[in-house]
Amino acid sequence: KKKVMIKILKRSKKVAFNIDEFFDKIETASLNFSSGIAYYLRNDLAQFSQNLHTLNQLEKEADAIQRKIENDFYQHALMPNYAGDIVLLLENADDLIDIANNVLTQFDVENPHIPQSLQSDFIELNNLASNSVKDVIPAARIFFTSPNEVKDKVQKVLFYNRECTAYANKTKKKIFQEMNSLQLAEKVHLRYFVNNIESMSDKAKILAHQLSSLVIKIKM
């Protein structure tokens, strides 16, 4: 039996369980995103398609759970002073699945050619973006049990986001300034997919800042 994670919601174990399950879906989605990009770069399109299919399912399941949680918060007047903030937090977390699904869908639809000389760059970018997400989920979970521990986890998210942004810029610079054999349209297409992968890290950063603000708000 799962440990109920939300001490401040002891009177509604159903909501606590749903929030726990919701973050399970986000976590699984982030793993499928990371694996999907890795399989695409290895040209293992069968496994890539499986990751995309799983993400589609997770998006639907997470949306359904999110609606249940929001309804319970408002229906039962749980944490009325912070209900709007909690709902926004869940919406931003859910956006991680939406972005992951959208990015893999664009890879599937547009089938970009990643030159061999950029393979390692895309692998590293994928790792950094995935690390940002991987660290923001525990931060969101622990907010409901030990808000004082959020700060340390948020710092890791922001570190990986800075690294991801720097590496994305380095990769785009390489594409536009060093890869002279590529046409401009090819360079723009590659930049688009660099930005897409980076967008996962950017959403994790938004979530991290929101968690930090919520912790301050609760302490006031």
N, C-alpha and C. Protein backbone atom coordinates (compact mmCIF):
# COMPACT_ATOMS: atom_id res chain seq x y z
N LYS A 1 0.85 -1.20 0.00
CA LYS A 1 0.00 0.00 0.00
C LYS A 1 0.88 1.24 0.00
N LYS A 2 0.52 2.19 -0.87
CA LYS A 2 1.33 3.41 -0.96
C LYS A 2 1.17 4.27 0.29
N LYS A 3 2.28 4.83 0.67
CA LYS A 3 2.24 5.76 1.80
C LYS A 3 1.53 7.04 1.36
N VAL A 4 0.57 7.46 2.17
CA VAL A 4 -0.12 8.71 1.85
C VAL A 4 0.86 9.86 2.05
N MET A 5 1.03 10.67 1.00
CA MET A 5 2.14 11.63 1.00
C MET A 5 1.79 13.00 1.55
N ILE A 6 0.51 13.30 1.69
CA ILE A 6 0.17 14.68 1.99
C ILE A 6 -0.34 14.84 3.42
N LYS A 7 0.56 15.18 4.31
CA LYS A 7 0.18 15.32 5.72
C LYS A 7 -0.89 16.40 5.89
N ILE A 8 -0.80 17.48 5.11
CA ILE A 8 -1.75 18.58 5.24
C ILE A 8 -3.11 18.22 4.67
N LEU A 9 -3.24 17.06 4.06
CA LEU A 9 -4.53 16.62 3.53
C LEU A 9 -4.95 15.30 4.15
N LYS A 10 -4.68 15.13 5.44
CA LYS A 10 -4.98 13.87 6.11
C LYS A 10 -6.46 13.50 6.01
N ARG A 11 -7.30 14.50 5.97
CA ARG A 11 -8.73 14.18 5.95
C ARG A 11 -9.22 13.77 4.58
N SER A 12 -8.36 13.77 3.59
CA SER A 12 -8.76 13.32 2.26
C SER A 12 -7.68 12.44 1.66
N LYS A 13 -7.67 11.18 2.09
CA LYS A 13 -6.66 10.25 1.60
C LYS A 13 -6.81 9.99 0.10
N LYS A 14 -8.04 10.11 -0.39
CA LYS A 14 -8.26 9.90 -1.83
C LYS A 14 -7.50 10.94 -2.64
N VAL A 15 -7.56 12.20 -2.21
CA VAL A 15 -6.85 13.26 -2.91
C VAL A 15 -5.34 13.03 -2.82
N ALA A 16 -4.89 12.63 -1.63
CA ALA A 16 -3.46 12.36 -1.44
C ALA A 16 -2.99 11.25 -2.37
N PHE A 17 -3.79 10.19 -2.46
CA PHE A 17 -3.44 9.07 -3.34
C PHE A 17 -3.43 9.53 -4.80
N ASN A 18 -4.42 10.33 -5.18
CA ASN A 18 -4.49 10.79 -6.57
C ASN A 18 -3.30 11.67 -6.94
N ILE A 19 -2.88 12.53 -6.01
CA ILE A 19 -1.72 13.38 -6.28
C ILE A 19 -0.46 12.53 -6.44
N ASP A 20 -0.33 11.53 -5.59
CA ASP A 20 0.81 10.61 -5.69
C ASP A 20 0.79 9.90 -7.04
N GLU A 21 -0.37 9.42 -7.43
CA GLU A 21 -0.49 8.71 -8.72
C GLU A 21 -0.23 9.65 -9.89
N PHE A 22 -0.68 10.89 -9.76
CA PHE A 22 -0.46 11.89 -10.80
C PHE A 22 1.03 12.08 -11.06
N PHE A 23 1.80 12.23 -9.98
CA PHE A 23 3.24 12.43 -10.16
C PHE A 23 3.93 11.15 -10.65
N ASP A 24 3.36 9.99 -10.34
CA ASP A 24 3.87 8.75 -10.93
C ASP A 24 3.77 8.80 -12.45
N LYS A 25 2.65 9.31 -12.95
CA LYS A 25 2.44 9.42 -14.40
C LYS A 25 3.44 10.38 -15.02
N ILE A 26 3.67 11.52 -14.34
CA ILE A 26 4.64 12.51 -14.85
C ILE A 26 6.03 11.89 -14.91
N GLU A 27 6.38 11.17 -13.85
CA GLU A 27 7.71 10.55 -13.79
C GLU A 27 7.89 9.52 -14.90
N THR A 28 6.89 8.69 -15.10
CA THR A 28 6.96 7.67 -16.16
C THR A 28 7.03 8.34 -17.53
N ALA A 29 6.29 9.44 -17.70
CA ALA A 29 6.32 10.17 -18.97
C ALA A 29 7.70 10.73 -19.26
N SER A 30 8.36 11.26 -18.22
CA SER A 30 9.70 11.83 -18.43
C SER A 30 10.69 10.75 -18.85
N LEU A 31 10.54 9.56 -18.29
CA LEU A 31 11.41 8.44 -18.68
C LEU A 31 11.15 8.03 -20.12
N ASN A 32 9.88 8.02 -20.51
CA ASN A 32 9.54 7.67 -21.89
C ASN A 32 10.03 8.72 -22.88
N PHE A 33 9.99 9.98 -22.46
CA PHE A 33 10.52 11.05 -23.31
C PHE A 33 12.01 10.85 -23.56
N SER A 34 12.75 10.67 -22.47
CA SER A 34 14.20 10.49 -22.57
C SER A 34 14.55 9.28 -23.41
N SER A 35 13.86 8.17 -23.15
CA SER A 35 14.12 6.94 -23.91
C SER A 35 13.74 7.12 -25.37
N GLY A 36 12.62 7.79 -25.61
CA GLY A 36 12.16 7.99 -26.99
C GLY A 36 13.18 8.76 -27.82
N ILE A 37 13.74 9.84 -27.26
CA ILE A 37 14.77 10.61 -27.98
C ILE A 37 15.99 9.73 -28.23
N ALA A 38 16.40 8.97 -27.21
CA ALA A 38 17.58 8.11 -27.34
C ALA A 38 17.37 7.05 -28.42
N TYR A 39 16.18 6.44 -28.45
CA TYR A 39 15.89 5.43 -29.47
C TYR A 39 15.84 6.05 -30.86
N TYR A 40 15.30 7.26 -30.96
CA TYR A 40 15.26 7.92 -32.27
C TYR A 40 16.68 8.15 -32.79
N LEU A 41 17.56 8.63 -31.90
CA LEU A 41 18.94 8.90 -32.31
C LEU A 41 19.67 7.62 -32.71
N ARG A 42 19.26 6.50 -32.12
CA ARG A 42 19.87 5.20 -32.49
C ARG A 42 19.16 4.57 -33.69
N ASN A 43 18.17 5.28 -34.21
CA ASN A 43 17.38 4.80 -35.35
C ASN A 43 16.59 3.54 -35.02
N ASP A 44 16.24 3.37 -33.76
CA ASP A 44 15.40 2.25 -33.34
C ASP A 44 13.96 2.77 -33.30
N LEU A 45 13.35 2.83 -34.49
CA LEU A 45 12.06 3.50 -34.61
C LEU A 45 10.91 2.69 -34.01
N ALA A 46 11.10 1.38 -33.89
CA ALA A 46 10.06 0.53 -33.27
C ALA A 46 9.92 0.89 -31.79
N GLN A 47 11.06 0.96 -31.10
CA GLN A 47 11.04 1.33 -29.68
C GLN A 47 10.60 2.78 -29.50
N PHE A 48 11.04 3.65 -30.41
CA PHE A 48 10.61 5.05 -30.39
C PHE A 48 9.09 5.15 -30.47
N SER A 49 8.50 4.41 -31.38
CA SER A 49 7.04 4.43 -31.55
C SER A 49 6.34 3.93 -30.30
N GLN A 50 6.94 2.95 -29.63
CA GLN A 50 6.35 2.44 -28.39
C GLN A 50 6.37 3.51 -27.31
N ASN A 51 7.48 4.25 -27.22
CA ASN A 51 7.56 5.35 -26.25
C ASN A 51 6.50 6.41 -26.54
N LEU A 52 6.31 6.72 -27.82
CA LEU A 52 5.32 7.73 -28.20
C LEU A 52 3.91 7.24 -27.86
N HIS A 53 3.63 5.97 -28.13
CA HIS A 53 2.32 5.39 -27.81
C HIS A 53 2.07 5.45 -26.30
N THR A 54 3.09 5.11 -25.52
CA THR A 54 2.96 5.14 -24.06
C THR A 54 2.70 6.56 -23.57
N LEU A 55 3.40 7.54 -24.16
CA LEU A 55 3.20 8.94 -23.78
C LEU A 55 1.77 9.39 -24.07
N ASN A 56 1.22 8.95 -25.20
CA ASN A 56 -0.17 9.29 -25.52
C ASN A 56 -1.11 8.80 -24.44
N GLN A 57 -0.89 7.56 -23.98
CA GLN A 57 -1.73 6.97 -22.94
C GLN A 57 -1.56 7.71 -21.61
N LEU A 58 -0.30 7.98 -21.26
CA LEU A 58 -0.01 8.67 -20.00
C LEU A 58 -0.63 10.07 -19.97
N GLU A 59 -0.63 10.74 -21.12
CA GLU A 59 -1.22 12.09 -21.18
C GLU A 59 -2.71 12.04 -20.85
N LYS A 60 -3.41 11.06 -21.42
CA LYS A 60 -4.85 10.92 -21.15
C LYS A 60 -5.10 10.57 -19.68
N GLU A 61 -4.29 9.65 -19.15
CA GLU A 61 -4.48 9.22 -17.76
C GLU A 61 -4.18 10.35 -16.78
N ALA A 62 -3.11 11.10 -17.04
CA ALA A 62 -2.74 12.21 -16.16
C ALA A 62 -3.79 13.30 -16.19
N ASP A 63 -4.33 13.59 -17.37
CA ASP A 63 -5.38 14.61 -17.49
C ASP A 63 -6.60 14.23 -16.66
N ALA A 64 -6.97 12.95 -16.71
CA ALA A 64 -8.14 12.47 -15.96
C ALA A 64 -7.91 12.61 -14.46
N ILE A 65 -6.72 12.23 -14.01
CA ILE A 65 -6.40 12.32 -12.57
C ILE A 65 -6.36 13.78 -12.13
N GLN A 66 -5.77 14.63 -12.97
CA GLN A 66 -5.70 16.06 -12.66
C GLN A 66 -7.09 16.65 -12.46
N ARG A 67 -8.04 16.28 -13.32
CA ARG A 67 -9.41 16.79 -13.19
C ARG A 67 -10.05 16.32 -11.88
N LYS A 68 -9.78 15.07 -11.50
CA LYS A 68 -10.32 14.55 -10.23
C LYS A 68 -9.78 15.37 -9.05
N ILE A 69 -8.48 15.62 -9.06
CA ILE A 69 -7.85 16.36 -7.96
C ILE A 69 -8.42 17.78 -7.87
N GLU A 70 -8.51 18.45 -9.01
CA GLU A 70 -9.03 19.82 -9.02
C GLU A 70 -10.47 19.86 -8.50
N ASN A 71 -11.29 18.91 -8.94
CA ASN A 71 -12.68 18.86 -8.47
C ASN A 71 -12.74 18.67 -6.96
N ASP A 72 -11.89 17.78 -6.43
CA ASP A 72 -11.90 17.52 -4.99
C ASP A 72 -11.43 18.73 -4.19
N PHE A 73 -10.43 19.44 -4.71
CA PHE A 73 -9.93 20.62 -4.01
C PHE A 73 -11.03 21.67 -3.85
N TYR A 74 -11.77 21.90 -4.92
CA TYR A 74 -12.80 22.93 -4.87
C TYR A 74 -14.08 22.43 -4.20
N GLN A 75 -14.44 21.18 -4.46
CA GLN A 75 -15.67 20.63 -3.90
C GLN A 75 -15.60 20.51 -2.38
N HIS A 76 -14.43 20.10 -1.86
CA HIS A 76 -14.29 19.87 -0.42
C HIS A 76 -13.55 21.01 0.29
N ALA A 77 -13.32 22.10 -0.46
CA ALA A 77 -12.65 23.29 0.11
C ALA A 77 -11.36 22.92 0.83
N LEU A 78 -10.55 22.10 0.16
CA LEU A 78 -9.26 21.71 0.73
C LEU A 78 -8.25 22.85 0.53
N MET A 79 -7.56 23.20 1.60
CA MET A 79 -6.55 24.26 1.54
C MET A 79 -7.07 25.47 0.77
N PRO A 80 -8.18 26.06 1.19
CA PRO A 80 -8.81 27.13 0.41
C PRO A 80 -7.90 28.31 0.11
N ASN A 81 -6.94 28.59 1.00
CA ASN A 81 -6.03 29.72 0.76
C ASN A 81 -5.02 29.45 -0.35
N TYR A 82 -4.82 28.17 -0.65
CA TYR A 82 -3.78 27.80 -1.62
C TYR A 82 -4.31 26.96 -2.77
N ALA A 83 -5.62 26.71 -2.79
CA ALA A 83 -6.19 25.81 -3.80
C ALA A 83 -5.84 26.23 -5.22
N GLY A 84 -5.97 27.54 -5.50
CA GLY A 84 -5.65 28.04 -6.84
C GLY A 84 -4.19 27.80 -7.20
N ASP A 85 -3.30 28.00 -6.23
CA ASP A 85 -1.86 27.78 -6.46
C ASP A 85 -1.56 26.31 -6.71
N ILE A 86 -2.22 25.44 -5.93
CA ILE A 86 -2.01 24.00 -6.10
C ILE A 86 -2.49 23.54 -7.46
N VAL A 87 -3.66 24.04 -7.88
CA VAL A 87 -4.20 23.67 -9.19
C VAL A 87 -3.26 24.13 -10.30
N LEU A 88 -2.71 25.34 -10.18
CA LEU A 88 -1.76 25.84 -11.18
C LEU A 88 -0.49 25.00 -11.19
N LEU A 89 -0.05 24.58 -10.02
CA LEU A 89 1.12 23.71 -9.92
C LEU A 89 0.89 22.41 -10.68
N LEU A 90 -0.28 21.82 -10.48
CA LEU A 90 -0.62 20.57 -11.18
C LEU A 90 -0.73 20.78 -12.69
N GLU A 91 -1.24 21.93 -13.08
CA GLU A 91 -1.36 22.23 -14.52
C GLU A 91 0.03 22.33 -15.16
N ASN A 92 0.94 23.00 -14.47
CA ASN A 92 2.30 23.12 -15.00
C ASN A 92 3.01 21.78 -15.04
N ALA A 93 2.76 20.95 -14.03
CA ALA A 93 3.34 19.61 -14.03
C ALA A 93 2.77 18.79 -15.18
N ASP A 94 1.47 18.92 -15.41
CA ASP A 94 0.84 18.19 -16.50
C ASP A 94 1.38 18.65 -17.85
N ASP A 95 1.77 19.92 -17.94
CA ASP A 95 2.35 20.44 -19.18
C ASP A 95 3.61 19.67 -19.58
N LEU A 96 4.31 19.11 -18.59
CA LEU A 96 5.51 18.33 -18.90
C LEU A 96 5.17 17.14 -19.79
N ILE A 97 4.05 16.48 -19.50
CA ILE A 97 3.63 15.36 -20.35
C ILE A 97 3.21 15.87 -21.73
N ASP A 98 2.47 16.99 -21.73
CA ASP A 98 2.01 17.55 -23.01
C ASP A 98 3.20 17.90 -23.91
N ILE A 99 4.21 18.54 -23.31
CA ILE A 99 5.40 18.93 -24.08
C ILE A 99 6.14 17.68 -24.56
N ALA A 100 6.33 16.72 -23.67
CA ALA A 100 7.03 15.48 -24.04
C ALA A 100 6.33 14.79 -25.21
N ASN A 101 5.03 14.70 -25.12
CA ASN A 101 4.25 14.06 -26.18
C ASN A 101 4.36 14.84 -27.49
N ASN A 102 4.27 16.16 -27.39
CA ASN A 102 4.36 17.01 -28.57
C ASN A 102 5.73 16.91 -29.25
N VAL A 103 6.79 16.89 -28.43
CA VAL A 103 8.15 16.82 -29.00
C VAL A 103 8.35 15.50 -29.73
N LEU A 104 7.98 14.39 -29.10
CA LEU A 104 8.14 13.09 -29.77
C LEU A 104 7.26 13.00 -31.01
N THR A 105 6.07 13.60 -30.94
CA THR A 105 5.18 13.61 -32.11
C THR A 105 5.83 14.36 -33.27
N GLN A 106 6.50 15.48 -32.97
CA GLN A 106 7.17 16.24 -34.03
C GLN A 106 8.33 15.44 -34.63
N PHE A 107 9.05 14.71 -33.80
CA PHE A 107 10.09 13.82 -34.34
C PHE A 107 9.47 12.78 -35.26
N ASP A 108 8.34 12.25 -34.84
CA ASP A 108 7.66 11.21 -35.63
C ASP A 108 7.14 11.76 -36.95
N VAL A 109 6.56 12.95 -36.92
CA VAL A 109 5.95 13.54 -38.11
C VAL A 109 7.00 14.08 -39.08
N GLU A 110 7.98 14.81 -38.56
CA GLU A 110 8.93 15.51 -39.43
C GLU A 110 10.18 14.68 -39.74
N ASN A 111 10.42 13.65 -38.92
CA ASN A 111 11.52 12.72 -39.16
C ASN A 111 12.84 13.45 -39.48
N PRO A 112 13.32 14.31 -38.57
CA PRO A 112 14.53 15.09 -38.86
C PRO A 112 15.77 14.20 -38.99
N HIS A 113 16.61 14.57 -39.92
CA HIS A 113 17.90 13.86 -40.05
C HIS A 113 18.91 14.53 -39.13
N ILE A 114 19.40 13.77 -38.15
CA ILE A 114 20.41 14.29 -37.22
C ILE A 114 21.78 13.80 -37.71
N PRO A 115 22.61 14.70 -38.23
CA PRO A 115 23.93 14.27 -38.73
C PRO A 115 24.74 13.56 -37.66
N GLN A 116 25.59 12.66 -38.09
CA GLN A 116 26.41 11.89 -37.16
C GLN A 116 27.24 12.80 -36.25
N SER A 117 27.69 13.91 -36.80
CA SER A 117 28.53 14.84 -36.03
C SER A 117 27.74 15.57 -34.93
N LEU A 118 26.41 15.43 -34.95
CA LEU A 118 25.58 16.07 -33.92
C LEU A 118 24.96 15.05 -32.96
N GLN A 119 25.19 13.78 -33.20
CA GLN A 119 24.57 12.75 -32.38
C GLN A 119 24.90 12.93 -30.90
N SER A 120 26.17 13.10 -30.59
CA SER A 120 26.59 13.22 -29.19
C SER A 120 26.01 14.49 -28.56
N ASP A 121 25.85 15.55 -29.36
CA ASP A 121 25.29 16.80 -28.85
C ASP A 121 23.82 16.62 -28.47
N PHE A 122 23.08 15.92 -29.32
CA PHE A 122 21.67 15.68 -29.02
C PHE A 122 21.51 14.73 -27.83
N ILE A 123 22.41 13.77 -27.71
CA ILE A 123 22.37 12.84 -26.56
C ILE A 123 22.59 13.61 -25.26
N GLU A 124 23.59 14.48 -25.25
CA GLU A 124 23.89 15.26 -24.04
C GLU A 124 22.75 16.23 -23.71
N LEU A 125 22.19 16.86 -24.74
CA LEU A 125 21.07 17.78 -24.54
C LEU A 125 19.87 17.04 -23.95
N ASN A 126 19.61 15.86 -24.46
CA ASN A 126 18.53 15.01 -23.94
C ASN A 126 18.77 14.67 -22.48
N ASN A 127 20.00 14.33 -22.14
CA ASN A 127 20.34 13.99 -20.75
C ASN A 127 20.11 15.18 -19.81
N LEU A 128 20.56 16.36 -20.22
CA LEU A 128 20.43 17.54 -19.38
C LEU A 128 18.96 17.94 -19.19
N ALA A 129 18.20 17.90 -20.28
CA ALA A 129 16.77 18.23 -20.19
C ALA A 129 16.05 17.22 -19.29
N SER A 130 16.39 15.96 -19.45
CA SER A 130 15.75 14.91 -18.66
C SER A 130 16.13 15.01 -17.19
N ASN A 131 17.37 15.41 -16.90
CA ASN A 131 17.79 15.59 -15.50
C ASN A 131 17.01 16.72 -14.83
N SER A 132 16.71 17.77 -15.58
CA SER A 132 15.91 18.87 -15.03
C SER A 132 14.55 18.35 -14.58
N VAL A 133 13.92 17.56 -15.43
CA VAL A 133 12.59 17.03 -15.14
C VAL A 133 12.68 15.98 -14.02
N LYS A 134 13.70 15.16 -14.10
CA LYS A 134 13.87 14.08 -13.11
C LYS A 134 13.98 14.65 -11.70
N ASP A 135 14.58 15.83 -11.56
CA ASP A 135 14.75 16.43 -10.23
C ASP A 135 13.56 17.28 -9.79
N VAL A 136 12.78 17.79 -10.74
CA VAL A 136 11.66 18.64 -10.34
C VAL A 136 10.49 17.81 -9.81
N ILE A 137 10.37 16.57 -10.24
CA ILE A 137 9.25 15.73 -9.78
C ILE A 137 9.37 15.41 -8.28
N PRO A 138 10.54 14.97 -7.79
CA PRO A 138 10.67 14.79 -6.33
C PRO A 138 10.45 16.08 -5.55
N ALA A 139 10.86 17.21 -6.13
CA ALA A 139 10.64 18.50 -5.47
C ALA A 139 9.15 18.77 -5.32
N ALA A 140 8.38 18.45 -6.36
CA ALA A 140 6.92 18.65 -6.30
C ALA A 140 6.28 17.68 -5.31
N ARG A 141 6.75 16.45 -5.29
CA ARG A 141 6.21 15.46 -4.34
C ARG A 141 6.46 15.90 -2.90
N ILE A 142 7.70 16.30 -2.62
CA ILE A 142 8.09 16.58 -1.23
C ILE A 142 7.47 17.88 -0.72
N PHE A 143 7.02 18.72 -1.65
CA PHE A 143 6.34 19.95 -1.25
C PHE A 143 5.16 19.64 -0.32
N PHE A 144 4.48 18.52 -0.58
CA PHE A 144 3.27 18.18 0.17
C PHE A 144 3.57 17.53 1.52
N THR A 145 4.80 17.13 1.74
CA THR A 145 5.14 16.48 3.02
C THR A 145 6.16 17.25 3.82
N SER A 146 7.18 17.77 3.13
CA SER A 146 8.27 18.48 3.82
C SER A 146 8.67 19.71 3.01
N PRO A 147 7.85 20.75 3.03
CA PRO A 147 8.13 21.94 2.20
C PRO A 147 9.52 22.53 2.41
N ASN A 148 10.07 22.36 3.61
CA ASN A 148 11.40 22.92 3.89
C ASN A 148 12.50 22.26 3.08
N GLU A 149 12.24 21.07 2.54
CA GLU A 149 13.24 20.35 1.76
C GLU A 149 13.17 20.66 0.27
N VAL A 150 12.20 21.48 -0.11
CA VAL A 150 12.02 21.79 -1.53
C VAL A 150 13.21 22.57 -2.09
N LYS A 151 13.74 23.50 -1.29
CA LYS A 151 14.79 24.41 -1.78
C LYS A 151 15.98 23.68 -2.37
N ASP A 152 16.49 22.66 -1.66
CA ASP A 152 17.67 21.94 -2.14
C ASP A 152 17.41 21.26 -3.47
N LYS A 153 16.21 20.68 -3.60
CA LYS A 153 15.88 19.97 -4.83
C LYS A 153 15.68 20.95 -5.99
N VAL A 154 15.09 22.10 -5.68
CA VAL A 154 14.89 23.12 -6.70
C VAL A 154 16.22 23.63 -7.24
N GLN A 155 17.21 23.75 -6.36
CA GLN A 155 18.53 24.22 -6.79
C GLN A 155 19.13 23.29 -7.84
N LYS A 156 18.90 21.99 -7.70
CA LYS A 156 19.40 21.02 -8.68
C LYS A 156 18.70 21.21 -10.03
N VAL A 157 17.39 21.46 -9.98
CA VAL A 157 16.63 21.69 -11.22
C VAL A 157 17.18 22.90 -11.95
N LEU A 158 17.41 23.98 -11.20
CA LEU A 158 17.90 25.22 -11.82
C LEU A 158 19.32 25.05 -12.36
N PHE A 159 20.12 24.24 -11.67
CA PHE A 159 21.47 23.95 -12.16
C PHE A 159 21.40 23.25 -13.52
N TYR A 160 20.60 22.19 -13.60
CA TYR A 160 20.50 21.45 -14.86
C TYR A 160 19.86 22.29 -15.96
N ASN A 161 18.94 23.19 -15.59
CA ASN A 161 18.34 24.06 -16.59
C ASN A 161 19.38 25.01 -17.18
N ARG A 162 20.24 25.57 -16.32
CA ARG A 162 21.31 26.45 -16.82
C ARG A 162 22.25 25.68 -17.73
N GLU A 163 22.60 24.46 -17.32
CA GLU A 163 23.49 23.63 -18.14
C GLU A 163 22.84 23.30 -19.48
N CYS A 164 21.54 23.00 -19.43
CA CYS A 164 20.80 22.64 -20.65
C CYS A 164 20.74 23.83 -21.60
N THR A 165 20.45 25.01 -21.06
CA THR A 165 20.38 26.21 -21.89
C THR A 165 21.72 26.51 -22.54
N ALA A 166 22.79 26.40 -21.75
CA ALA A 166 24.13 26.67 -22.28
C ALA A 166 24.50 25.66 -23.37
N TYR A 167 24.14 24.39 -23.13
CA TYR A 167 24.50 23.35 -24.11
C TYR A 167 23.66 23.50 -25.38
N ALA A 168 22.40 23.90 -25.22
CA ALA A 168 21.55 24.13 -26.39
C ALA A 168 22.12 25.25 -27.25
N ASN A 169 22.56 26.33 -26.60
CA ASN A 169 23.15 27.45 -27.35
C ASN A 169 24.44 27.03 -28.03
N LYS A 170 25.25 26.23 -27.33
CA LYS A 170 26.49 25.73 -27.92
C LYS A 170 26.20 24.87 -29.15
N THR A 171 25.18 24.04 -29.05
CA THR A 171 24.81 23.16 -30.16
C THR A 171 24.30 23.96 -31.35
N LYS A 172 23.47 24.97 -31.06
CA LYS A 172 22.95 25.80 -32.16
C LYS A 172 24.08 26.60 -32.83
N LYS A 173 25.01 27.05 -32.02
CA LYS A 173 26.17 27.76 -32.59
C LYS A 173 26.98 26.84 -33.51
N LYS A 174 27.14 25.60 -33.08
CA LYS A 174 27.85 24.61 -33.89
C LYS A 174 27.11 24.39 -35.21
N ILE A 175 25.79 24.27 -35.13
CA ILE A 175 24.98 24.03 -36.33
C ILE A 175 25.14 25.17 -37.33
N PHE A 176 25.04 26.41 -36.85
CA PHE A 176 25.03 27.56 -37.76
C PHE A 176 26.42 28.05 -38.17
N GLN A 177 27.43 27.80 -37.32
CA GLN A 177 28.75 28.37 -37.62
C GLN A 177 29.79 27.35 -38.08
N GLU A 178 29.54 26.07 -37.80
CA GLU A 178 30.56 25.08 -38.14
C GLU A 178 30.12 24.07 -39.21
N MET A 179 28.82 23.87 -39.35
CA MET A 179 28.34 22.83 -40.26
C MET A 179 28.00 23.43 -41.63
N ASN A 180 29.07 23.77 -42.35
CA ASN A 180 28.92 24.50 -43.61
C ASN A 180 28.30 23.67 -44.73
N SER A 181 28.31 22.35 -44.56
CA SER A 181 27.75 21.50 -45.62
C SER A 181 26.22 21.49 -45.61
N LEU A 182 25.63 21.99 -44.54
CA LEU A 182 24.16 22.00 -44.42
C LEU A 182 23.56 23.24 -45.06
N GLN A 183 22.40 23.06 -45.69
CA GLN A 183 21.63 24.19 -46.19
C GLN A 183 21.01 24.94 -45.01
N LEU A 184 20.67 26.22 -45.23
CA LEU A 184 20.07 27.02 -44.15
C LEU A 184 18.79 26.36 -43.63
N ALA A 185 17.98 25.84 -44.52
CA ALA A 185 16.72 25.20 -44.11
C ALA A 185 16.99 24.00 -43.19
N GLU A 186 18.05 23.26 -43.48
CA GLU A 186 18.42 22.11 -42.63
C GLU A 186 18.87 22.59 -41.25
N LYS A 187 19.62 23.69 -41.24
CA LYS A 187 20.10 24.25 -39.96
C LYS A 187 18.92 24.73 -39.11
N VAL A 188 17.98 25.39 -39.74
CA VAL A 188 16.79 25.88 -39.03
C VAL A 188 15.98 24.71 -38.48
N HIS A 189 15.88 23.66 -39.27
CA HIS A 189 15.14 22.47 -38.84
C HIS A 189 15.79 21.83 -37.61
N LEU A 190 17.10 21.74 -37.63
CA LEU A 190 17.83 21.18 -36.48
C LEU A 190 17.69 22.07 -35.25
N ARG A 191 17.75 23.39 -35.46
CA ARG A 191 17.57 24.32 -34.34
C ARG A 191 16.21 24.12 -33.69
N TYR A 192 15.20 23.91 -34.51
CA TYR A 192 13.83 23.69 -34.02
C TYR A 192 13.78 22.51 -33.06
N PHE A 193 14.50 21.44 -33.38
CA PHE A 193 14.46 20.26 -32.53
C PHE A 193 15.35 20.41 -31.29
N VAL A 194 16.39 21.20 -31.41
CA VAL A 194 17.18 21.55 -30.21
C VAL A 194 16.28 22.31 -29.24
N ASN A 195 15.55 23.30 -29.77
CA ASN A 195 14.65 24.09 -28.92
C ASN A 195 13.55 23.23 -28.31
N ASN A 196 13.06 22.27 -29.07
CA ASN A 196 12.01 21.39 -28.58
C ASN A 196 12.47 20.58 -27.37
N ILE A 197 13.65 20.00 -27.47
CA ILE A 197 14.19 19.22 -26.35
C ILE A 197 14.43 20.13 -25.15
N GLU A 198 15.00 21.30 -25.42
CA GLU A 198 15.28 22.26 -24.35
C GLU A 198 14.01 22.71 -23.64
N SER A 199 12.88 22.72 -24.34
CA SER A 199 11.62 23.20 -23.76
C SER A 199 11.18 22.37 -22.56
N MET A 200 11.59 21.10 -22.50
CA MET A 200 11.27 20.28 -21.33
C MET A 200 11.96 20.84 -20.08
N SER A 201 13.21 21.21 -20.24
CA SER A 201 13.98 21.79 -19.14
C SER A 201 13.40 23.14 -18.72
N ASP A 202 12.97 23.93 -19.70
CA ASP A 202 12.40 25.25 -19.39
C ASP A 202 11.11 25.12 -18.59
N LYS A 203 10.29 24.13 -18.92
CA LYS A 203 9.06 23.91 -18.16
C LYS A 203 9.38 23.43 -16.74
N ALA A 204 10.41 22.61 -16.60
CA ALA A 204 10.84 22.17 -15.26
C ALA A 204 11.28 23.37 -14.42
N LYS A 205 11.95 24.32 -15.06
CA LYS A 205 12.39 25.55 -14.36
C LYS A 205 11.18 26.36 -13.88
N ILE A 206 10.16 26.49 -14.72
CA ILE A 206 8.93 27.21 -14.34
C ILE A 206 8.30 26.55 -13.12
N LEU A 207 8.25 25.22 -13.15
CA LEU A 207 7.68 24.46 -12.04
C LEU A 207 8.51 24.66 -10.76
N ALA A 208 9.83 24.67 -10.92
CA ALA A 208 10.72 24.86 -9.76
C ALA A 208 10.51 26.22 -9.12
N HIS A 209 10.41 27.26 -9.94
CA HIS A 209 10.17 28.62 -9.41
C HIS A 209 8.81 28.69 -8.72
N GLN A 210 7.83 28.02 -9.29
CA GLN A 210 6.51 28.03 -8.67
C GLN A 210 6.53 27.34 -7.31
N LEU A 211 7.25 26.23 -7.21
CA LEU A 211 7.38 25.53 -5.94
C LEU A 211 8.04 26.42 -4.89
N SER A 212 9.09 27.11 -5.29
CA SER A 212 9.78 28.02 -4.37
C SER A 212 8.85 29.11 -3.85
N SER A 213 8.05 29.67 -4.76
CA SER A 213 7.11 30.72 -4.38
C SER A 213 6.04 30.20 -3.44
N LEU A 214 5.58 28.97 -3.70
CA LEU A 214 4.53 28.37 -2.86
C LEU A 214 5.05 28.12 -1.44
N VAL A 215 6.29 27.68 -1.34
CA VAL A 215 6.88 27.42 -0.02
C VAL A 215 6.92 28.73 0.78
N ILE A 216 7.34 29.79 0.13
CA ILE A 216 7.38 31.10 0.80
C ILE A 216 5.98 31.54 1.21
N LYS A 217 5.02 31.34 0.33
CA LYS A 217 3.65 31.75 0.59
C LYS A 217 3.06 31.02 1.80
N ILE A 218 3.35 29.71 1.89
CA ILE A 218 2.82 28.90 3.00
C ILE A 218 3.44 29.32 4.33
N LYS A 219 4.70 29.75 4.30
CA LYS A 219 5.39 30.15 5.53
C LYS A 219 4.92 31.50 6.06
N MET A 220 4.32 32.30 5.18
CA MET A 220 3.92 33.66 5.58
C MET A 220 2.73 33.63 6.55
